[in-house]
Protein backbone atom coordinates (compact mmCIF):
# COMPACT_ATOMS: atom_id res chain seq x y z
CA MET A 1 0.05 -0.09 0.15
CA SER A 2 1.69 3.33 -1.22
CA THR A 3 0.97 6.57 -0.07
CA TYR A 4 2.30 10.14 -0.79
CA ILE A 5 1.85 13.70 0.61
CA SER A 6 1.49 16.91 -1.39
CA VAL A 7 1.29 20.49 -0.56
CA CYS A 8 -1.83 22.21 -0.97
CA SER A 9 -0.32 24.87 -3.20
CA SER A 10 -3.49 25.81 -5.08
CA GLU A 11 -6.92 26.90 -4.05
CA MET A 12 -8.25 23.65 -5.54
CA TYR A 13 -6.21 21.69 -3.04
CA GLN A 14 -7.05 24.24 -0.04
CA GLN A 15 -10.44 23.47 -0.85
CA THR A 16 -9.82 19.70 -0.81
CA TYR A 17 -8.37 19.98 2.42
CA LEU A 18 -11.01 21.58 4.03
CA THR A 19 -13.78 19.55 2.45
CA PHE A 20 -11.94 16.34 3.60
CA LEU A 21 -11.56 17.48 7.11
CA LEU A 22 -14.99 18.69 7.36
CA GLU A 23 -16.25 15.39 5.97
CA HIS A 24 -14.49 13.78 8.72
CA TYR A 25 -15.26 16.38 11.47
CA ASP A 26 -16.89 13.82 13.81
CA GLN A 27 -13.84 11.48 13.76
CA LEU A 28 -11.54 14.30 14.60
CA GLY A 29 -12.30 14.32 18.11
CA LEU A 30 -11.59 17.78 18.54
CA PRO A 31 -12.52 19.18 22.26
CA TYR A 32 -13.50 22.49 21.02
CA SER A 33 -16.75 24.09 19.91
CA TYR A 34 -17.58 23.86 16.27
CA PRO A 35 -16.30 27.55 15.54
CA VAL A 36 -13.15 26.95 17.30
CA SER A 37 -12.43 23.89 15.60
CA LEU A 38 -13.27 25.57 12.17
CA SER A 39 -10.85 28.05 12.88
CA PHE A 40 -8.35 25.71 13.94
CA LEU A 41 -8.83 23.93 10.60
CA SER A 42 -9.09 26.94 8.25
CA SER A 43 -6.24 29.17 9.81
CA PRO A 44 -3.47 27.65 7.96
CA ILE A 45 -5.05 28.90 4.67
CA LEU A 46 -6.48 32.25 6.16
CA MET A 47 -3.08 32.97 7.55
CA ASP A 48 -1.35 31.92 4.20
CA ARG A 49 0.61 28.89 5.76
CA GLU A 50 0.98 25.36 4.85
CA SER A 51 -1.69 22.78 4.92
CA PHE A 52 -0.89 19.10 3.16
CA LEU A 53 -3.06 16.25 1.70
CA CYS A 54 -1.99 12.60 2.07
CA TYR A 55 -2.94 10.25 -0.80
CA ASN A 56 -3.08 6.50 -1.53
CA ASP A 57 -2.11 4.79 -4.65
CA ASP A 58 -5.39 5.38 -6.00
CA ASP A 59 -4.99 9.07 -5.50
CA GLU A 60 -7.75 9.17 -3.07
CA VAL A 61 -7.16 11.67 -0.07
CA ILE A 62 -6.60 9.67 3.14
CA GLY A 63 -5.33 12.30 5.27
CA ALA A 64 -4.58 16.06 5.93
CA PHE A 65 -2.14 18.10 8.25
CA SER A 66 -1.27 21.84 8.62
CA TYR A 67 0.35 24.37 10.73
CA ILE A 68 0.85 27.95 11.21
CA TYR A 69 4.00 30.15 12.58
CA GLY A 70 3.93 31.68 15.91
CA THR A 71 1.43 31.63 18.93
CA GLY A 72 -1.70 33.84 19.94
CA GLU A 73 -0.20 34.94 23.06
CA ASN A 74 2.63 36.54 21.24
CA GLN A 75 0.37 38.04 18.41
CA TYR A 76 2.05 35.46 15.80
CA GLU A 77 5.39 37.26 16.04
CA ASP A 78 7.24 34.04 17.54
CA GLN A 79 8.03 32.62 14.01
CA HIS A 80 10.44 30.29 15.47
CA VAL A 81 7.55 28.30 16.71
CA ILE A 82 5.21 26.20 14.59
CA GLN A 83 1.82 25.18 16.03
CA VAL A 84 0.23 22.09 14.09
CA GLN A 85 -3.34 22.95 13.89
CA VAL A 86 -4.49 19.50 12.60
CA VAL A 87 -3.53 15.88 11.71
CA PHE A 88 -5.97 13.49 10.49
CA ILE A 89 -5.52 10.02 8.77
CA GLN A 90 -8.16 7.70 8.14
CA GLU A 91 -8.83 4.75 10.40
CA GLU A 92 -7.27 2.04 8.05
CA TYR A 93 -4.19 4.03 7.35
CA ARG A 94 -3.14 4.72 11.09
CA VAL A 95 -1.43 1.21 11.29
CA THR A 96 0.80 2.24 8.37
CA ARG A 97 4.22 4.39 8.21
CA LEU A 98 1.94 7.17 6.94
CA PHE A 99 2.19 9.36 10.35
CA LEU A 100 5.97 8.73 10.21
CA GLN A 101 5.96 9.66 6.61
CA ALA A 102 3.94 12.75 7.38
CA ILE A 103 6.58 13.98 10.05
CA GLN A 104 9.48 13.27 7.77
CA PHE A 105 7.69 15.23 4.98
CA LEU A 106 7.15 18.30 7.40
CA ILE A 107 10.70 18.16 8.52
CA GLU A 108 12.07 18.09 4.90
CA HIS A 109 9.56 20.85 3.85
CA ILE A 110 10.34 23.32 6.73
CA THR A 111 14.25 22.42 6.11
CA ASP A 112 13.74 23.24 2.41
CA LEU A 113 11.77 26.69 3.06
CA GLU A 114 14.88 27.40 5.17
CA GLU A 115 12.67 28.77 7.77
CA ASP A 116 14.28 29.43 11.52
CA VAL A 117 11.95 26.99 13.25
CA ARG A 118 13.17 25.89 16.84
CA GLU A 119 10.07 24.68 18.09
CA LEU A 120 6.89 22.47 17.25
CA ARG A 121 3.80 22.81 19.67
CA PHE A 122 0.39 20.88 19.26
CA TRP A 123 -2.47 19.97 21.31
CA THR A 124 -4.32 16.56 21.32
CA PRO A 125 -7.32 14.98 23.06
CA ALA A 126 -6.09 13.52 26.16
CA ASN A 127 -5.97 9.76 25.98
CA ASP A 128 -3.39 6.91 26.91
CA ARG A 129 -3.12 5.71 23.20
CA LEU A 130 -2.12 9.26 22.02
CA ARG A 131 0.17 9.81 25.05
CA ARG A 132 2.34 6.78 24.27
CA LEU A 133 2.67 7.88 20.67
CA PHE A 134 3.52 11.36 21.26
CA SER A 135 5.90 10.89 24.03
CA LYS A 136 8.06 9.25 21.72
CA PHE A 137 9.05 12.53 20.31
CA ALA A 138 7.53 15.56 22.37
CA GLU A 139 7.16 16.59 25.79
CA LYS A 140 3.84 16.83 27.19
CA ILE A 141 3.53 20.38 28.89
CA ASP A 142 0.18 20.66 30.47
CA SER A 143 -3.34 19.06 30.60
CA VAL A 144 -6.24 21.36 30.42
CA ASP A 145 -9.99 20.39 31.11
CA THR A 146 -12.16 21.71 28.66
CA VAL A 147 -15.94 22.09 28.11
CA PHE A 148 -15.45 19.27 25.29
CA GLY A 149 -13.05 17.20 27.41
CA PRO A 150 -9.52 17.17 28.41
CA ILE A 151 -6.64 18.20 26.09
CA ASP A 152 -2.79 17.65 26.13
CA GLU A 153 -0.26 20.34 25.12
CA TYR A 154 3.01 19.05 23.53
CA ARG A 155 6.16 20.61 22.60
CA THR A 156 9.32 19.42 20.90
CA ALA A 157 12.52 21.32 19.76
CA PHE A 158 12.49 20.79 15.89
CA SER A 159 16.06 19.43 16.33
CA ASP A 160 14.67 16.70 18.46
CA LEU A 161 11.95 15.84 16.06
CA ARG A 162 14.44 15.75 13.16
CA ALA A 163 16.52 13.45 15.35
CA TYR A 164 13.62 11.35 16.18
CA ALA A 165 12.62 10.81 12.69
CA ALA A 166 16.00 10.20 11.50
CA LYS A 167 16.20 6.86 13.47
CA PHE A 168 13.82 5.43 10.89
CA ARG A 169 14.68 4.82 7.14
CA PRO A 170 13.28 7.58 4.82
CA VAL A 171 9.41 6.83 3.99
CA LEU A 172 9.22 9.46 1.18
């Protein structure tokens, strides 16, 4: 089962990115209200930042992820920080190397852009399965209870993420 990843480099692909995520909204498990969730999903496009689509060998979209530069608490001026806004992979592809491929693709993409990225941050629903996964390459900084469920905040140095991904043969 072969997969590949592509940058959403045109309005058509950005629309595909949003449509795919909205079609799978219930499966995203985002612990936010719908308006807040929609802002997370669309912010990479609205802020002219990066979104990506994952495809299977039949050219069907099977996943999507995105990020923005900076943090809200610093009015997005801390451009050395990337916030991952969403990562979603369809259930049947979660037991493949697609997540690792996405990490490797993200690292290569940011490196090619020659951006001064030093840190990556993301938030996830708080559960043991995700904690086991993310503890392999990121540090859990905080856990917060929200009206929609608990979330965990993770951070990792970009250099540490690169070192983690380098342990595996390239999937690209």
